[in-house]
PDB file of all heavy atoms in Angstrom:
ATOM      1  N   VAL A   1      59.924 -79.266  79.896  1.00  0.00           N
ATOM      2  CA  VAL A   1      59.369 -79.948  81.050  1.00  0.00           C
ATOM      3  C   VAL A   1      57.891 -79.687  81.072  1.00  0.00           C
ATOM      4  O   VAL A   1      57.098 -80.520  81.522  1.00  0.00           O
ATOM      5  CB  VAL A   1      60.068 -79.376  82.373  1.00  0.00           C
ATOM      6  CG1 VAL A   1      59.414 -80.063  83.588  1.00  0.00           C
ATOM      7  CG2 VAL A   1      61.608 -79.870  82.336  1.00  0.00           C
ATOM      8  N   SER A   2      57.438 -78.437  80.778  1.00  0.00           N
ATOM      9  CA  SER A   2      56.006 -78.025  80.892  1.00  0.00           C
ATOM     10  C   SER A   2      55.559 -77.370  79.596  1.00  0.00           C
ATOM     11  O   SER A   2      55.516 -76.157  79.415  1.00  0.00           O
ATOM     12  CB  SER A   2      55.946 -77.110  82.055  1.00  0.00           C
ATOM     13  OG  SER A   2      54.617 -76.737  82.269  1.00  0.00           O
ATOM     14  N   PRO A   3      55.127 -78.261  78.654  1.00  0.00           N
ATOM     15  CA  PRO A   3      54.665 -77.730  77.303  1.00  0.00           C
ATOM     16  C   PRO A   3      53.499 -76.768  77.436  1.00  0.00           C
ATOM     17  O   PRO A   3      53.386 -75.838  76.533  1.00  0.00           O
ATOM     18  CB  PRO A   3      54.370 -78.979  76.530  1.00  0.00           C
ATOM     19  CG  PRO A   3      54.994 -80.085  77.230  1.00  0.00           C
ATOM     20  CD  PRO A   3      55.069 -79.633  78.641  1.00  0.00           C
ATOM     21  N   LEU A   4      52.625 -76.925  78.382  1.00  0.00           N
ATOM     22  CA  LEU A   4      51.404 -76.074  78.453  1.00  0.00           C
ATOM     23  C   LEU A   4      51.657 -74.777  79.336  1.00  0.00           C
ATOM     24  O   LEU A   4      50.688 -74.064  79.617  1.00  0.00           O
ATOM     25  CB  LEU A   4      50.313 -76.886  79.043  1.00  0.00           C
ATOM     26  CG  LEU A   4      49.981 -78.192  78.301  1.00  0.00           C
ATOM     27  CD1 LEU A   4      48.820 -78.889  78.941  1.00  0.00           C
ATOM     28  CD2 LEU A   4      49.719 -77.993  76.828  1.00  0.00           C
ATOM     29  N   ARG A   5      52.927 -74.548  79.784  1.00  0.00           N
ATOM     30  CA  ARG A   5      53.082 -73.432  80.713  1.00  0.00           C
ATOM     31  C   ARG A   5      52.675 -72.142  80.051  1.00  0.00           C
ATOM     32  O   ARG A   5      52.091 -71.235  80.639  1.00  0.00           O
ATOM     33  CB  ARG A   5      54.577 -73.369  81.073  1.00  0.00           C
ATOM     34  CG  ARG A   5      54.939 -72.157  81.922  1.00  0.00           C
ATOM     35  CD  ARG A   5      56.319 -72.239  82.453  1.00  0.00           C
ATOM     36  NE  ARG A   5      56.443 -73.196  83.544  1.00  0.00           N
ATOM     37  CZ  ARG A   5      57.499 -73.885  83.883  1.00  0.00           C
ATOM     38  NH1 ARG A   5      58.543 -73.846  83.125  1.00  0.00           N
ATOM     39  NH2 ARG A   5      57.518 -74.698  84.912  1.00  0.00           N
ATOM     40  N   GLY A   6      53.079 -71.937  78.733  1.00  0.00           N
ATOM     41  CA  GLY A   6      52.639 -70.748  78.108  1.00  0.00           C
ATOM     42  C   GLY A   6      51.175 -70.445  78.028  1.00  0.00           C
ATOM     43  O   GLY A   6      50.669 -69.400  78.405  1.00  0.00           O
ATOM     44  N   ALA A   7      50.390 -71.524  77.740  1.00  0.00           N
ATOM     45  CA  ALA A   7      48.929 -71.344  77.729  1.00  0.00           C
ATOM     46  C   ALA A   7      48.407 -70.991  79.060  1.00  0.00           C
ATOM     47  O   ALA A   7      47.550 -70.092  79.269  1.00  0.00           O
ATOM     48  CB  ALA A   7      48.309 -72.668  77.248  1.00  0.00           C
ATOM     49  N   VAL A   8      48.917 -71.638  80.134  1.00  0.00           N
ATOM     50  CA  VAL A   8      48.583 -71.294  81.583  1.00  0.00           C
ATOM     51  C   VAL A   8      48.903 -69.846  81.876  1.00  0.00           C
ATOM     52  O   VAL A   8      48.142 -69.087  82.457  1.00  0.00           O
ATOM     53  CB  VAL A   8      49.229 -72.252  82.525  1.00  0.00           C
ATOM     54  CG1 VAL A   8      48.964 -71.813  83.957  1.00  0.00           C
ATOM     55  CG2 VAL A   8      48.805 -73.607  82.274  1.00  0.00           C
ATOM     56  N   ARG A   9      50.103 -69.445  81.458  1.00  0.00           N
ATOM     57  CA  ARG A   9      50.489 -68.036  81.791  1.00  0.00           C
ATOM     58  C   ARG A   9      49.657 -66.994  81.070  1.00  0.00           C
ATOM     59  O   ARG A   9      49.535 -65.855  81.516  1.00  0.00           O
ATOM     60  CB  ARG A   9      51.974 -67.876  81.389  1.00  0.00           C
ATOM     61  CG  ARG A   9      52.996 -68.685  82.232  1.00  0.00           C
ATOM     62  CD  ARG A   9      53.160 -68.020  83.607  1.00  0.00           C
ATOM     63  NE  ARG A   9      53.498 -66.615  83.564  1.00  0.00           N
ATOM     64  CZ  ARG A   9      53.948 -65.920  84.659  1.00  0.00           C
ATOM     65  NH1 ARG A   9      54.022 -66.543  85.819  1.00  0.00           N
ATOM     66  NH2 ARG A   9      54.256 -64.685  84.564  1.00  0.00           N
ATOM     67  N   PHE A  10      49.087 -67.381  79.840  1.00  0.00           N
ATOM     68  CA  PHE A  10      48.379 -66.428  79.112  1.00  0.00           C
ATOM     69  C   PHE A  10      46.900 -66.523  79.536  1.00  0.00           C
ATOM     70  O   PHE A  10      46.033 -65.981  78.797  1.00  0.00           O
ATOM     71  CB  PHE A  10      48.530 -66.764  77.634  1.00  0.00           C
ATOM     72  CG  PHE A  10      49.915 -66.351  77.054  1.00  0.00           C
ATOM     73  CD1 PHE A  10      50.716 -67.345  76.489  1.00  0.00           C
ATOM     74  CD2 PHE A  10      50.234 -65.106  77.100  1.00  0.00           C
ATOM     75  CE1 PHE A  10      51.901 -66.957  75.950  1.00  0.00           C
ATOM     76  CE2 PHE A  10      51.488 -64.691  76.561  1.00  0.00           C
ATOM     77  CZ  PHE A  10      52.297 -65.693  75.992  1.00  0.00           C
ATOM     78  N   ASN A  11      46.609 -67.099  80.694  1.00  0.00           N
ATOM     79  CA  ASN A  11      45.366 -67.104  81.305  1.00  0.00           C
ATOM     80  C   ASN A  11      44.203 -67.604  80.501  1.00  0.00           C
ATOM     81  O   ASN A  11      43.055 -67.045  80.472  1.00  0.00           O
ATOM     82  CB  ASN A  11      44.986 -65.701  81.807  1.00  0.00           C
ATOM     83  CG  ASN A  11      45.967 -65.170  82.770  1.00  0.00           C
ATOM     84  OD1 ASN A  11      46.332 -65.803  83.731  1.00  0.00           O
ATOM     85  ND2 ASN A  11      46.383 -63.869  82.665  1.00  0.00           N
ATOM     86  N   VAL A  12      44.500 -68.736  79.803  1.00  0.00           N
ATOM     87  CA  VAL A  12      43.379 -69.373  79.020  1.00  0.00           C
ATOM     88  C   VAL A  12      42.546 -70.292  80.083  1.00  0.00           C
ATOM     89  O   VAL A  12      43.089 -70.711  81.075  1.00  0.00           O
ATOM     90  CB  VAL A  12      43.878 -70.149  77.885  1.00  0.00           C
ATOM     91  CG1 VAL A  12      44.708 -69.371  76.954  1.00  0.00           C
ATOM     92  CG2 VAL A  12      44.718 -71.375  78.348  1.00  0.00           C
ATOM     93  N   GLU A  13      41.380 -70.623  79.711  1.00  0.00           N
ATOM     94  CA  GLU A  13      40.531 -71.451  80.545  1.00  0.00           C
ATOM     95  C   GLU A  13      40.338 -72.873  79.977  1.00  0.00           C
ATOM     96  O   GLU A  13      40.008 -73.737  80.778  1.00  0.00           O
ATOM     97  CB  GLU A  13      39.160 -70.807  80.678  1.00  0.00           C
ATOM     98  CG  GLU A  13      39.149 -69.374  81.412  1.00  0.00           C
ATOM     99  CD  GLU A  13      38.034 -68.548  81.046  1.00  0.00           C
ATOM    100  OE1 GLU A  13      36.939 -68.764  81.624  1.00  0.00           O
ATOM    101  OE2 GLU A  13      38.106 -67.660  80.157  1.00  0.00           O
ATOM    102  N   LYS A  14      40.700 -73.027  78.729  1.00  0.00           N
ATOM    103  CA  LYS A  14      40.610 -74.343  78.115  1.00  0.00           C
ATOM    104  C   LYS A  14      41.774 -74.494  77.191  1.00  0.00           C
ATOM    105  O   LYS A  14      42.105 -73.533  76.458  1.00  0.00           O
ATOM    106  CB  LYS A  14      39.304 -74.560  77.338  1.00  0.00           C
ATOM    107  CG  LYS A  14      38.009 -74.547  78.243  1.00  0.00           C
ATOM    108  CD  LYS A  14      36.778 -74.874  77.408  1.00  0.00           C
ATOM    109  CE  LYS A  14      35.483 -74.922  78.340  1.00  0.00           C
ATOM    110  NZ  LYS A  14      34.368 -75.446  77.559  1.00  0.00           N
ATOM    111  N   ILE A  15      42.313 -75.720  77.143  1.00  0.00           N
ATOM    112  CA  ILE A  15      43.472 -75.959  76.209  1.00  0.00           C
ATOM    113  C   ILE A  15      43.053 -77.246  75.453  1.00  0.00           C
ATOM    114  O   ILE A  15      42.806 -78.381  75.986  1.00  0.00           O
ATOM    115  CB  ILE A  15      44.816 -76.191  76.976  1.00  0.00           C
ATOM    116  CG1 ILE A  15      45.077 -75.080  77.867  1.00  0.00           C
ATOM    117  CG2 ILE A  15      45.892 -76.464  75.957  1.00  0.00           C
ATOM    118  CD1 ILE A  15      46.291 -75.348  78.778  1.00  0.00           C
ATOM    119  N   MET A  16      43.087 -77.137  74.109  1.00  0.00           N
ATOM    120  CA  MET A  16      42.989 -78.315  73.196  1.00  0.00           C
ATOM    121  C   MET A  16      44.352 -78.711  72.699  1.00  0.00           C
ATOM    122  O   MET A  16      45.098 -77.893  72.184  1.00  0.00           O
ATOM    123  CB  MET A  16      42.065 -78.035  72.013  1.00  0.00           C
ATOM    124  CG  MET A  16      41.950 -79.201  70.967  1.00  0.00           C
ATOM    125  SD  MET A  16      40.840 -78.951  69.617  1.00  0.00           S
ATOM    126  CE  MET A  16      39.295 -79.093  70.419  1.00  0.00           C
ATOM    127  N   ILE A  17      44.740 -79.980  72.926  1.00  0.00           N
ATOM    128  CA  ILE A  17      46.032 -80.406  72.546  1.00  0.00           C
ATOM    129  C   ILE A  17      45.892 -81.351  71.341  1.00  0.00           C
ATOM    130  O   ILE A  17      45.134 -82.395  71.430  1.00  0.00           O
ATOM    131  CB  ILE A  17      46.711 -81.166  73.711  1.00  0.00           C
ATOM    132  CG1 ILE A  17      46.852 -80.180  74.892  1.00  0.00           C
ATOM    133  CG2 ILE A  17      48.069 -81.780  73.321  1.00  0.00           C
ATOM    134  CD1 ILE A  17      46.013 -80.597  76.129  1.00  0.00           C
ATOM    135  N   LEU A  18      46.567 -81.171  70.322  1.00  0.00           N
ATOM    136  CA  LEU A  18      46.598 -82.072  69.167  1.00  0.00           C
ATOM    137  C   LEU A  18      47.892 -82.892  69.283  1.00  0.00           C
ATOM    138  O   LEU A  18      48.970 -82.211  68.865  1.00  0.00           O
ATOM    139  CB  LEU A  18      46.423 -81.354  67.873  1.00  0.00           C
ATOM    140  CG  LEU A  18      45.019 -80.696  67.693  1.00  0.00           C
ATOM    141  CD1 LEU A  18      44.976 -80.130  66.280  1.00  0.00           C
ATOM    142  CD2 LEU A  18      43.913 -81.488  68.028  1.00  0.00           C
ATOM    143  N   GLY A  19      47.875 -84.009  69.672  1.00  0.00           N
ATOM    144  CA  GLY A  19      49.177 -84.855  69.843  1.00  0.00           C
ATOM    145  C   GLY A  19      49.435 -85.606  68.582  1.00  0.00           C
ATOM    146  O   GLY A  19      48.631 -85.576  67.557  1.00  0.00           O
ATOM    147  N   THR A  20      50.529 -86.376  68.545  1.00  0.00           N
ATOM    148  CA  THR A  20      50.991 -87.100  67.417  1.00  0.00           C
ATOM    149  C   THR A  20      51.332 -88.546  67.767  1.00  0.00           C
ATOM    150  O   THR A  20      52.015 -89.226  66.903  1.00  0.00           O
ATOM    151  CB  THR A  20      52.145 -86.449  66.682  1.00  0.00           C
ATOM    152  OG1 THR A  20      53.208 -86.244  67.628  1.00  0.00           O
ATOM    153  CG2 THR A  20      51.775 -85.105  66.159  1.00  0.00           C
ATOM    154  N   ARG A  21      50.875 -89.040  68.927  1.00  0.00           N
ATOM    155  CA  ARG A  21      51.127 -90.430  69.234  1.00  0.00           C
ATOM    156  C   ARG A  21      49.992 -91.048  69.872  1.00  0.00           C
ATOM    157  O   ARG A  21      49.262 -90.439  70.677  1.00  0.00           O
ATOM    158  CB  ARG A  21      52.328 -90.504  70.244  1.00  0.00           C
ATOM    159  CG  ARG A  21      52.651 -91.955  70.544  1.00  0.00           C
ATOM    160  CD  ARG A  21      53.993 -92.160  71.391  1.00  0.00           C
ATOM    161  NE  ARG A  21      53.906 -91.534  72.692  1.00  0.00           N
ATOM    162  CZ  ARG A  21      54.816 -91.662  73.590  1.00  0.00           C
ATOM    163  NH1 ARG A  21      55.857 -92.488  73.388  1.00  0.00           N
ATOM    164  NH2 ARG A  21      54.652 -91.159  74.840  1.00  0.00           N
ATOM    165  N   GLN A  22      49.735 -92.332  69.477  1.00  0.00           N
ATOM    166  CA  GLN A  22      48.700 -93.129  70.042  1.00  0.00           C
ATOM    167  C   GLN A  22      48.896 -93.217  71.590  1.00  0.00           C
ATOM    168  O   GLN A  22      50.045 -93.230  72.049  1.00  0.00           O
ATOM    169  CB  GLN A  22      48.656 -94.461  69.416  1.00  0.00           C
ATOM    170  CG  GLN A  22      47.587 -95.401  69.932  1.00  0.00           C
ATOM    171  CD  GLN A  22      47.850 -96.866  69.398  1.00  0.00           C
ATOM    172  OE1 GLN A  22      48.991 -97.325  69.079  1.00  0.00           O
ATOM    173  NE2 GLN A  22      46.663 -97.579  69.132  1.00  0.00           N
ATOM    174  N   LEU A  23      47.792 -93.341  72.336  1.00  0.00           N
ATOM    175  CA  LEU A  23      47.894 -93.606  73.815  1.00  0.00           C
ATOM    176  C   LEU A  23      48.769 -94.865  73.956  1.00  0.00           C
ATOM    177  O   LEU A  23      48.355 -95.899  73.362  1.00  0.00           O
ATOM    178  CB  LEU A  23      46.538 -93.754  74.463  1.00  0.00           C
ATOM    179  CG  LEU A  23      46.533 -93.951  75.945  1.00  0.00           C
ATOM    180  CD1 LEU A  23      47.004 -92.680  76.607  1.00  0.00           C
ATOM    181  CD2 LEU A  23      45.108 -94.279  76.398  1.00  0.00           C
ATOM    182  N   PRO A  24      49.889 -94.860  74.715  1.00  0.00           N
ATOM    183  CA  PRO A  24      50.703 -96.011  74.894  1.00  0.00           C
ATOM    184  C   PRO A  24      49.920 -97.110  75.512  1.00  0.00           C
ATOM    185  O   PRO A  24      49.177 -96.989  76.476  1.00  0.00           O
ATOM    186  CB  PRO A  24      51.823 -95.522  75.700  1.00  0.00           C
ATOM    187  CG  PRO A  24      51.874 -94.075  75.607  1.00  0.00           C
ATOM    188  CD  PRO A  24      50.436 -93.681  75.340  1.00  0.00           C
ATOM    189  N   VAL A  25      50.119 -98.381  74.995  1.00  0.00           N
ATOM    190  CA  VAL A  25      49.566 -99.606  75.627  1.00  0.00           C
ATOM    191  C   VAL A  25      50.727-100.480  75.951  1.00  0.00           C
ATOM    192  O   VAL A  25      51.497-100.911  75.011  1.00  0.00           O
ATOM    193  CB  VAL A  25      48.620-100.277  74.571  1.00  0.00           C
ATOM    194  CG1 VAL A  25      48.125-101.550  75.202  1.00  0.00           C
ATOM    195  CG2 VAL A  25      47.535 -99.408  74.265  1.00  0.00           C
ATOM    196  N   PHE A  26      50.948-100.681  77.175  1.00  0.00           N
ATOM    197  CA  PHE A  26      52.047-101.379  77.698  1.00  0.00           C
ATOM    198  C   PHE A  26      51.739-102.919  77.759  1.00  0.00           C
ATOM    199  O   PHE A  26      50.834-103.266  78.487  1.00  0.00           O
ATOM    200  CB  PHE A  26      52.680-100.872  78.981  1.00  0.00           C
ATOM    201  CG  PHE A  26      53.089 -99.427  78.821  1.00  0.00           C
ATOM    202  CD1 PHE A  26      52.250 -98.397  79.211  1.00  0.00           C
ATOM    203  CD2 PHE A  26      54.339 -99.141  78.232  1.00  0.00           C
ATOM    204  CE1 PHE A  26      52.660 -97.076  79.117  1.00  0.00           C
ATOM    205  CE2 PHE A  26      54.695 -97.829  78.134  1.00  0.00           C
ATOM    206  CZ  PHE A  26      54.000 -96.730  78.561  1.00  0.00           C
ATOM    207  N   SER A  27      52.627-103.789  77.143  1.00  0.00           N
ATOM    208  CA  SER A  27      52.377-105.217  77.267  1.00  0.00           C
ATOM    209  C   SER A  27      53.766-105.895  77.213  1.00  0.00           C
ATOM    210  O   SER A  27      54.749-105.229  76.932  1.00  0.00           O
ATOM    211  CB  SER A  27      51.494-105.748  75.994  1.00  0.00           C
ATOM    212  OG  SER A  27      52.129-105.390  74.804  1.00  0.00           O
ATOM    213  N   ASP A  28      53.698-107.140  77.475  1.00  0.00           N
ATOM    214  CA  ASP A  28      54.990-107.938  77.534  1.00  0.00           C
ATOM    215  C   ASP A  28      55.474-108.243  76.048  1.00  0.00           C
ATOM    216  O   ASP A  28      54.754-108.871  75.295  1.00  0.00           O
ATOM    217  CB  ASP A  28      54.683-109.279  78.194  1.00  0.00           C
ATOM    218  CG  ASP A  28      56.065-110.044  78.375  1.00  0.00           C
ATOM    219  OD1 ASP A  28      57.080-109.464  78.242  1.00  0.00           O
ATOM    220  OD2 ASP A  28      55.935-111.213  78.715  1.00  0.00           O
ATOM    221  N   PRO A  29      56.618-107.595  75.627  1.00  0.00           N
ATOM    222  CA  PRO A  29      57.030-107.745  74.297  1.00  0.00           C
ATOM    223  C   PRO A  29      57.724-109.115  74.065  1.00  0.00           C
ATOM    224  O   PRO A  29      58.887-109.193  73.737  1.00  0.00           O
ATOM    225  CB  PRO A  29      58.026-106.610  74.108  1.00  0.00           C
ATOM    226  CG  PRO A  29      58.626-106.470  75.545  1.00  0.00           C
ATOM    227  CD  PRO A  29      57.446-106.736  76.458  1.00  0.00           C
ATOM    228  N   GLU A  30      56.884-110.118  74.135  1.00  0.00           N
ATOM    229  CA  GLU A  30      57.399-111.545  74.057  1.00  0.00           C
ATOM    230  C   GLU A  30      58.197-111.797  72.733  1.00  0.00           C
ATOM    231  O   GLU A  30      59.247-112.403  72.811  1.00  0.00           O
ATOM    232  CB  GLU A  30      56.269-112.519  74.231  1.00  0.00           C
ATOM    233  CG  GLU A  30      56.736-113.961  74.377  1.00  0.00           C
ATOM    234  CD  GLU A  30      57.556-114.185  75.626  1.00  0.00           C
ATOM    235  OE1 GLU A  30      57.264-113.570  76.643  1.00  0.00           O
ATOM    236  OE2 GLU A  30      58.569-115.013  75.585  1.00  0.00           O
ATOM    237  N   ALA A  31      57.648-111.264  71.717  1.00  0.00           N
ATOM    238  CA  ALA A  31      58.353-111.478  70.457  1.00  0.00           C
ATOM    239  C   ALA A  31      59.723-110.888  70.265  1.00  0.00           C
ATOM    240  O   ALA A  31      60.482-111.260  69.470  1.00  0.00           O
ATOM    241  CB  ALA A  31      57.414-110.975  69.284  1.00  0.00           C
ATOM    242  N   LEU A  32      59.949-109.823  71.149  1.00  0.00           N
ATOM    243  CA  LEU A  32      61.284-109.137  70.991  1.00  0.00           C
ATOM    244  C   LEU A  32      62.257-109.630  72.055  1.00  0.00           C
ATOM    245  O   LEU A  32      63.394-109.149  71.995  1.00  0.00           O
ATOM    246  CB  LEU A  32      61.035-107.630  71.200  1.00  0.00           C
ATOM    247  CG  LEU A  32      60.122-107.021  70.142  1.00  0.00           C
ATOM    248  CD1 LEU A  32      59.985-105.508  70.499  1.00  0.00           C
ATOM    249  CD2 LEU A  32      60.638-107.217  68.701  1.00  0.00           C
ATOM    250  N   ARG A  33      61.900-110.532  72.860  1.00  0.00           N
ATOM    251  CA  ARG A  33      62.856-111.013  73.932  1.00  0.00           C
ATOM    252  C   ARG A  33      64.032-111.671  73.271  1.00  0.00           C
ATOM    253  O   ARG A  33      63.894-112.465  72.326  1.00  0.00           O
ATOM    254  CB  ARG A  33      62.109-111.941  74.849  1.00  0.00           C
ATOM    255  CG  ARG A  33      61.193-111.272  75.844  1.00  0.00           C
ATOM    256  CD  ARG A  33      60.506-112.254  76.821  1.00  0.00           C
ATOM    257  NE  ARG A  33      59.515-111.665  77.651  1.00  0.00           N
ATOM    258  CZ  ARG A  33      59.889-111.019  78.817  1.00  0.00           C
ATOM    259  NH1 ARG A  33      61.184-110.982  79.224  1.00  0.00           N
ATOM    260  NH2 ARG A  33      58.943-110.523  79.542  1.00  0.00           N
ATOM    261  N   ASN A  34      65.155-111.465  73.969  1.00  0.00           N
ATOM    262  CA  ASN A  34      66.445-112.086  73.600  1.00  0.00           C
ATOM    263  C   ASN A  34      66.934-111.769  72.229  1.00  0.00           C
ATOM    264  O   ASN A  34      67.809-112.434  71.674  1.00  0.00           O
ATOM    265  CB  ASN A  34      66.348-113.607  73.744  1.00  0.00           C
ATOM    266  CG  ASN A  34      65.919-114.017  75.075  1.00  0.00           C
ATOM    267  OD1 ASN A  34      66.526-113.491  76.116  1.00  0.00           O
ATOM    268  ND2 ASN A  34      64.985-114.933  75.242  1.00  0.00           N
ATOM    269  N   GLY A  35      66.335-110.740  71.578  1.00  0.00           N
ATOM    270  CA  GLY A  35      66.745-110.348  70.242  1.00  0.00           C
ATOM    271  C   GLY A  35      67.724-109.109  70.403  1.00  0.00           C
ATOM    272  O   GLY A  35      67.971-108.549  71.419  1.00  0.00           O
ATOM    273  N   ASP A  36      68.216-108.646  69.206  1.00  0.00           N
ATOM    274  CA  ASP A  36      69.058-107.451  69.124  1.00  0.00           C
ATOM    275  C   ASP A  36      68.194-106.239  69.082  1.00  0.00           C
ATOM    276  O   ASP A  36      67.102-106.350  68.679  1.00  0.00           O
ATOM    277  CB  ASP A  36      69.982-107.571  67.899  1.00  0.00           C
ATOM    278  CG  ASP A  36      70.986-108.678  68.030  1.00  0.00           C
ATOM    279  OD1 ASP A  36      71.358-109.108  69.186  1.00  0.00           O
ATOM    280  OD2 ASP A  36      71.287-109.211  66.867  1.00  0.00           O
ATOM    281  N   ILE A  37      68.766-105.165  69.553  1.00  0.00           N
ATOM    282  CA  ILE A  37      67.984-103.865  69.419  1.00  0.00           C
ATOM    283  C   ILE A  37      68.901-102.927  68.579  1.00  0.00           C
ATOM    284  O   ILE A  37      70.091-102.731  68.792  1.00  0.00           O
ATOM    285  CB  ILE A  37      67.763-103.200  70.840  1.00  0.00           C
ATOM    286  CG1 ILE A  37      66.891-102.053  70.673  1.00  0.00           C
ATOM    287  CG2 ILE A  37      68.994-102.924  71.550  1.00  0.00           C
ATOM    288  CD1 ILE A  37      66.212-101.580  71.964  1.00  0.00           C
ATOM    289  N   ALA A  38      68.292-102.403  67.487  1.00  0.00           N
ATOM    290  CA  ALA A  38      68.955-101.625  66.584  1.00  0.00           C
ATOM    291  C   ALA A  38      69.160-100.180  67.071  1.00  0.00           C
ATOM    292  O   ALA A  38      68.447 -99.711  67.893  1.00  0.00           O
ATOM    293  CB  ALA A  38      68.230-101.504  65.236  1.00  0.00           C
ATOM    294  N   PHE A  39      70.177 -99.470  66.521  1.00  0.00           N
ATOM    295  CA  PHE A  39      70.504 -98.045  66.832  1.00  0.00           C
ATOM    296  C   PHE A  39      69.227 -97.177  66.508  1.00  0.00           C
ATOM    297  O   PHE A  39      68.922 -96.319  67.341  1.00  0.00           O
ATOM    298  CB  PHE A  39      71.707 -97.509  66.087  1.00  0.00           C
ATOM    299  CG  PHE A  39      72.065 -96.234  66.433  1.00  0.00           C
ATOM    300  CD1 PHE A  39      72.833 -95.899  67.512  1.00  0.00           C
ATOM    301  CD2 PHE A  39      71.647 -95.132  65.583  1.00  0.00           C
ATOM    302  CE1 PHE A  39      73.135 -94.603  67.886  1.00  0.00           C
ATOM    303  CE2 PHE A  39      72.036 -93.835  65.828  1.00  0.00           C
ATOM    304  CZ  PHE A  39      72.847 -93.521  66.968  1.00  0.00           C
ATOM    305  N   ALA A  40      68.552 -97.501  65.420  1.00  0.00           N
ATOM    306  CA  ALA A  40      67.355 -96.692  65.017  1.00  0.00           C
ATOM    307  C   ALA A  40      66.274 -96.816  66.088  1.00  0.00           C
ATOM    308  O   ALA A  40      65.514 -95.834  66.295  1.00  0.00           O
ATOM    309  CB  ALA A  40      66.875 -97.107  63.622  1.00  0.00           C
ATOM    310  N   HIS A  41      66.138 -98.034  66.677  1.00  0.00           N
ATOM    311  CA  HIS A  41      65.155 -98.170  67.693  1.00  0.00           C
ATOM    312  C   HIS A  41      65.463 -97.294  68.887  1.00  0.00           C
ATOM    313  O   HIS A  41      64.522 -96.673  69.515  1.00  0.00           O
ATOM    314  CB  HIS A  41      65.118 -99.715  68.113  1.00  0.00           C
ATOM    315  CG  HIS A  41      63.860-100.069  68.861  1.00  0.00           C
ATOM    316  ND1 HIS A  41      63.513-101.399  69.065  1.00  0.00           N
ATOM    317  CD2 HIS A  41      62.911 -99.278  69.435  1.00  0.00           C
ATOM    318  CE1 HIS A  41      62.399-101.440  69.778  1.00  0.00           C
ATOM    319  NE2 HIS A  41      61.993-100.217  70.027  1.00  0.00           N
TER     320      HIS A  41
END
């Protein structure tokens, strides 16, 4: 629930986070409408 809790508890003043996902951009998935959705998805 709180990935940064340890850093906060160890009294750091700055936290650099290296993520692994692009900032999500939400749009209408028109091309996927009315199609099937795979288990892998």
